[in-house]
């Protein structure tokens, strides 16, 4: 636990955590399946999620989360094409 002014930061190393309604935001570094499971468990409490996850993982809804895929150099185009396909932009 870290406290700085009015902000309290809590660190957990497991993904099966249930966050209480007094949380405003959460940042995760997990695989795609765990990221989506965690997102679904936080929606009752309306928690903003900043998720760092695998490449080629469907994006979380933009109005509830910020998702950053970890990709290797040169795989940017495949991630862009995957995002276009999943979001049905074309």
N, C-alpha and C. Protein backbone atom coordinates (compact mmCIF):
# COMPACT_ATOMS: atom_id res chain seq x y z
N UNK A 1 0.84 -1.19 0.00
CA UNK A 1 0.00 0.00 0.00
C UNK A 1 0.88 1.24 0.00
N UNK A 2 0.56 2.18 -0.84
CA UNK A 2 1.27 3.45 -0.93
C UNK A 2 0.26 4.58 -0.74
N UNK A 3 0.62 5.59 0.04
CA UNK A 3 -0.26 6.74 0.23
C UNK A 3 0.51 8.00 -0.12
N UNK A 4 -0.13 8.87 -0.91
CA UNK A 4 0.48 10.14 -1.28
C UNK A 4 -0.64 11.17 -1.36
N UNK A 5 -0.71 12.05 -0.39
CA UNK A 5 -1.79 13.03 -0.37
C UNK A 5 -3.12 12.32 -0.21
N UNK A 6 -4.05 12.58 -1.12
CA UNK A 6 -5.37 11.95 -1.07
C UNK A 6 -5.48 10.70 -1.91
N UNK A 7 -4.38 10.26 -2.51
CA UNK A 7 -4.40 9.08 -3.37
C UNK A 7 -3.78 7.90 -2.65
N UNK A 8 -4.48 6.80 -2.63
CA UNK A 8 -3.96 5.57 -2.04
C UNK A 8 -3.81 4.53 -3.13
N UNK A 9 -2.63 3.96 -3.26
CA UNK A 9 -2.34 2.96 -4.28
C UNK A 9 -2.20 1.61 -3.60
N UNK A 10 -2.91 0.61 -4.11
CA UNK A 10 -2.81 -0.75 -3.59
C UNK A 10 -2.31 -1.65 -4.70
N UNK A 11 -1.40 -2.54 -4.36
CA UNK A 11 -0.79 -3.45 -5.33
C UNK A 11 -1.21 -4.88 -4.99
N UNK A 12 -1.71 -5.59 -6.00
CA UNK A 12 -2.08 -6.99 -5.85
C UNK A 12 -1.35 -7.79 -6.92
N UNK A 13 -0.95 -9.00 -6.59
CA UNK A 13 -0.23 -9.82 -7.55
C UNK A 13 -1.05 -11.00 -8.06
N UNK A 14 -2.35 -11.01 -7.82
CA UNK A 14 -3.20 -12.06 -8.35
C UNK A 14 -4.39 -11.41 -9.07
N UNK A 15 -4.95 -12.12 -10.04
CA UNK A 15 -5.98 -11.54 -10.88
C UNK A 15 -7.41 -11.82 -10.42
N UNK A 16 -7.59 -12.60 -9.40
CA UNK A 16 -8.94 -12.95 -8.94
C UNK A 16 -9.44 -11.99 -7.85
N UNK A 17 -8.90 -10.81 -7.80
CA UNK A 17 -9.25 -9.82 -6.78
C UNK A 17 -10.62 -9.21 -7.08
N UNK A 18 -11.39 -8.93 -6.06
CA UNK A 18 -12.67 -8.24 -6.19
C UNK A 18 -12.48 -6.84 -5.61
N UNK A 19 -12.63 -5.83 -6.44
CA UNK A 19 -12.44 -4.46 -5.99
C UNK A 19 -13.74 -3.90 -5.42
N UNK A 20 -13.61 -3.10 -4.38
CA UNK A 20 -14.77 -2.48 -3.76
C UNK A 20 -15.18 -1.24 -4.54
N UNK A 21 -16.34 -0.70 -4.21
CA UNK A 21 -16.85 0.47 -4.92
C UNK A 21 -16.07 1.74 -4.63
N UNK A 22 -15.20 1.75 -3.62
CA UNK A 22 -14.45 2.96 -3.30
C UNK A 22 -13.22 3.14 -4.20
N UNK A 23 -12.99 2.22 -5.14
CA UNK A 23 -11.91 2.37 -6.10
C UNK A 23 -12.39 3.20 -7.28
N UNK A 24 -11.54 4.07 -7.78
CA UNK A 24 -11.87 4.90 -8.95
C UNK A 24 -11.32 4.26 -10.21
N UNK A 25 -10.10 3.74 -10.13
CA UNK A 25 -9.43 3.18 -11.31
C UNK A 25 -8.55 2.01 -10.91
N UNK A 26 -8.24 1.18 -11.92
CA UNK A 26 -7.34 0.05 -11.71
C UNK A 26 -6.44 -0.07 -12.93
N UNK A 27 -5.19 -0.45 -12.69
CA UNK A 27 -4.25 -0.70 -13.77
C UNK A 27 -3.83 -2.17 -13.67
N UNK A 28 -3.91 -2.88 -14.80
CA UNK A 28 -3.57 -4.30 -14.80
C UNK A 28 -2.54 -4.62 -15.86
N UNK A 29 -1.77 -5.65 -15.60
CA UNK A 29 -0.85 -6.24 -16.57
C UNK A 29 -1.14 -7.73 -16.53
N UNK A 30 -1.96 -8.19 -17.49
CA UNK A 30 -2.42 -9.59 -17.49
C UNK A 30 -2.59 -10.07 -18.92
N UNK A 31 -2.76 -11.39 -19.06
CA UNK A 31 -3.06 -11.94 -20.39
C UNK A 31 -4.48 -11.54 -20.80
N UNK A 32 -4.83 -11.80 -22.03
CA UNK A 32 -6.10 -11.36 -22.60
C UNK A 32 -7.31 -11.91 -21.83
N UNK A 33 -7.32 -13.20 -21.58
CA UNK A 33 -8.46 -13.82 -20.90
C UNK A 33 -8.65 -13.24 -19.50
N UNK A 34 -7.57 -13.09 -18.76
CA UNK A 34 -7.66 -12.52 -17.40
C UNK A 34 -8.08 -11.06 -17.43
N UNK A 35 -7.63 -10.32 -18.45
CA UNK A 35 -8.00 -8.91 -18.58
C UNK A 35 -9.51 -8.78 -18.76
N UNK A 36 -10.08 -9.57 -19.66
CA UNK A 36 -11.52 -9.51 -19.88
C UNK A 36 -12.30 -9.96 -18.64
N UNK A 37 -11.82 -10.98 -17.96
CA UNK A 37 -12.50 -11.45 -16.74
C UNK A 37 -12.47 -10.36 -15.67
N UNK A 38 -11.33 -9.71 -15.51
CA UNK A 38 -11.21 -8.64 -14.53
C UNK A 38 -12.10 -7.46 -14.90
N UNK A 39 -12.14 -7.10 -16.19
CA UNK A 39 -13.00 -6.01 -16.65
C UNK A 39 -14.46 -6.30 -16.30
N UNK A 40 -14.92 -7.51 -16.58
CA UNK A 40 -16.31 -7.86 -16.29
C UNK A 40 -16.62 -7.79 -14.80
N UNK A 41 -15.65 -8.14 -13.96
CA UNK A 41 -15.88 -8.10 -12.52
C UNK A 41 -15.87 -6.68 -11.95
N UNK A 42 -15.31 -5.72 -12.69
CA UNK A 42 -15.26 -4.33 -12.19
C UNK A 42 -16.41 -3.48 -12.69
N UNK A 43 -17.23 -3.98 -13.59
CA UNK A 43 -18.27 -3.15 -14.18
C UNK A 43 -19.40 -2.78 -13.21
N UNK A 44 -19.66 -3.60 -12.21
CA UNK A 44 -20.68 -3.25 -11.22
C UNK A 44 -20.28 -2.02 -10.44
N UNK A 45 -18.99 -1.85 -10.22
CA UNK A 45 -18.50 -0.72 -9.43
C UNK A 45 -18.10 0.48 -10.28
N UNK A 46 -18.25 0.40 -11.60
CA UNK A 46 -17.90 1.50 -12.52
C UNK A 46 -16.46 1.98 -12.33
N UNK A 47 -15.52 1.05 -12.39
CA UNK A 47 -14.11 1.36 -12.21
C UNK A 47 -13.46 1.53 -13.58
N UNK A 48 -12.71 2.63 -13.76
CA UNK A 48 -11.96 2.84 -15.00
C UNK A 48 -10.78 1.88 -15.00
N UNK A 49 -10.58 1.19 -16.10
CA UNK A 49 -9.52 0.18 -16.19
C UNK A 49 -8.48 0.59 -17.21
N UNK A 50 -7.22 0.60 -16.80
CA UNK A 50 -6.08 0.78 -17.70
C UNK A 50 -5.42 -0.59 -17.78
N UNK A 51 -5.55 -1.23 -18.94
CA UNK A 51 -5.11 -2.62 -19.08
C UNK A 51 -3.97 -2.74 -20.07
N UNK A 52 -2.89 -3.36 -19.64
CA UNK A 52 -1.77 -3.72 -20.50
C UNK A 52 -1.88 -5.22 -20.70
N UNK A 53 -1.96 -5.65 -21.96
CA UNK A 53 -2.25 -7.06 -22.22
C UNK A 53 -1.56 -7.56 -23.50
N UNK A 54 -1.87 -8.80 -23.86
CA UNK A 54 -1.30 -9.46 -25.04
C UNK A 54 -1.71 -8.76 -26.33
N UNK A 55 -0.92 -9.00 -27.36
CA UNK A 55 -1.30 -8.56 -28.71
C UNK A 55 -2.47 -9.41 -29.18
N UNK A 56 -3.21 -8.88 -30.15
CA UNK A 56 -4.36 -9.57 -30.74
C UNK A 56 -5.41 -9.94 -29.72
N UNK A 57 -5.62 -9.07 -28.77
CA UNK A 57 -6.69 -9.22 -27.77
C UNK A 57 -7.77 -8.21 -28.13
N UNK A 58 -9.03 -8.63 -28.21
CA UNK A 58 -10.09 -7.67 -28.52
C UNK A 58 -10.10 -6.52 -27.51
N UNK A 59 -10.27 -5.31 -27.99
CA UNK A 59 -10.22 -4.13 -27.13
C UNK A 59 -11.41 -4.09 -26.18
N UNK A 60 -11.16 -3.58 -25.00
CA UNK A 60 -12.22 -3.32 -24.04
C UNK A 60 -13.00 -2.09 -24.51
N UNK A 61 -14.26 -1.93 -24.08
CA UNK A 61 -15.03 -0.76 -24.50
C UNK A 61 -14.32 0.55 -24.14
N UNK A 62 -14.19 1.44 -25.12
CA UNK A 62 -13.42 2.67 -24.95
C UNK A 62 -14.01 3.61 -23.91
N UNK A 63 -15.29 3.52 -23.62
CA UNK A 63 -15.89 4.41 -22.63
C UNK A 63 -15.71 3.92 -21.20
N UNK A 64 -15.11 2.74 -21.01
CA UNK A 64 -14.87 2.18 -19.68
C UNK A 64 -13.43 1.80 -19.43
N UNK A 65 -12.60 1.77 -20.48
CA UNK A 65 -11.25 1.25 -20.31
C UNK A 65 -10.29 1.82 -21.34
N UNK A 66 -9.02 1.79 -20.97
CA UNK A 66 -7.93 2.11 -21.89
C UNK A 66 -7.10 0.84 -21.97
N UNK A 67 -6.92 0.34 -23.18
CA UNK A 67 -6.22 -0.93 -23.34
C UNK A 67 -4.98 -0.74 -24.20
N UNK A 68 -3.87 -1.25 -23.72
CA UNK A 68 -2.59 -1.13 -24.42
C UNK A 68 -2.05 -2.54 -24.68
N UNK A 69 -2.03 -2.97 -25.95
CA UNK A 69 -1.46 -4.29 -26.24
C UNK A 69 0.07 -4.22 -26.31
N UNK A 70 0.72 -5.25 -25.83
CA UNK A 70 2.17 -5.35 -25.94
C UNK A 70 2.48 -6.10 -27.22
N UNK A 71 3.15 -5.43 -28.15
CA UNK A 71 3.46 -6.05 -29.43
C UNK A 71 4.94 -5.92 -29.72
N UNK A 72 5.45 -6.86 -30.48
CA UNK A 72 6.85 -6.82 -30.90
C UNK A 72 7.01 -5.86 -32.06
N UNK A 73 8.21 -5.37 -32.23
CA UNK A 73 8.50 -4.48 -33.34
C UNK A 73 8.18 -5.17 -34.66
N UNK A 74 7.49 -4.47 -35.52
CA UNK A 74 7.12 -5.03 -36.81
C UNK A 74 5.74 -5.66 -36.83
N UNK A 75 5.08 -5.80 -35.69
CA UNK A 75 3.75 -6.40 -35.64
C UNK A 75 2.65 -5.35 -35.50
N UNK A 76 2.99 -4.09 -35.69
CA UNK A 76 2.01 -3.02 -35.53
C UNK A 76 0.86 -3.15 -36.52
N UNK A 77 1.19 -3.48 -37.76
CA UNK A 77 0.17 -3.58 -38.80
C UNK A 77 -0.84 -4.68 -38.50
N UNK A 78 -0.37 -5.83 -38.02
CA UNK A 78 -1.30 -6.92 -37.70
C UNK A 78 -2.23 -6.51 -36.56
N UNK A 79 -1.74 -5.73 -35.59
CA UNK A 79 -2.60 -5.25 -34.50
C UNK A 79 -3.64 -4.27 -35.02
N UNK A 80 -3.24 -3.39 -35.92
CA UNK A 80 -4.17 -2.42 -36.50
C UNK A 80 -5.26 -3.14 -37.29
N UNK A 81 -4.87 -4.12 -38.10
CA UNK A 81 -5.85 -4.88 -38.88
C UNK A 81 -6.78 -5.65 -37.95
N UNK A 82 -6.25 -6.24 -36.89
CA UNK A 82 -7.09 -6.95 -35.92
C UNK A 82 -8.10 -6.00 -35.28
N UNK A 83 -7.66 -4.81 -34.89
CA UNK A 83 -8.57 -3.82 -34.28
C UNK A 83 -9.67 -3.41 -35.24
N UNK A 84 -9.32 -3.20 -36.51
CA UNK A 84 -10.31 -2.83 -37.52
C UNK A 84 -11.33 -3.96 -37.70
N UNK A 85 -10.85 -5.19 -37.72
CA UNK A 85 -11.75 -6.34 -37.89
C UNK A 85 -12.69 -6.49 -36.71
N UNK A 86 -12.16 -6.43 -35.49
CA UNK A 86 -12.98 -6.63 -34.28
C UNK A 86 -14.01 -5.51 -34.12
N UNK A 87 -13.60 -4.27 -34.41
CA UNK A 87 -14.50 -3.13 -34.24
C UNK A 87 -15.42 -2.91 -35.44
N UNK A 88 -15.24 -3.72 -36.48
CA UNK A 88 -16.07 -3.66 -37.69
C UNK A 88 -16.10 -2.25 -38.27
N UNK A 89 -14.91 -1.67 -38.41
CA UNK A 89 -14.79 -0.32 -38.95
C UNK A 89 -15.04 -0.31 -40.43
N UNK A 90 -14.59 -1.33 -41.15
CA UNK A 90 -14.78 -1.37 -42.62
C UNK A 90 -15.98 -2.24 -42.95
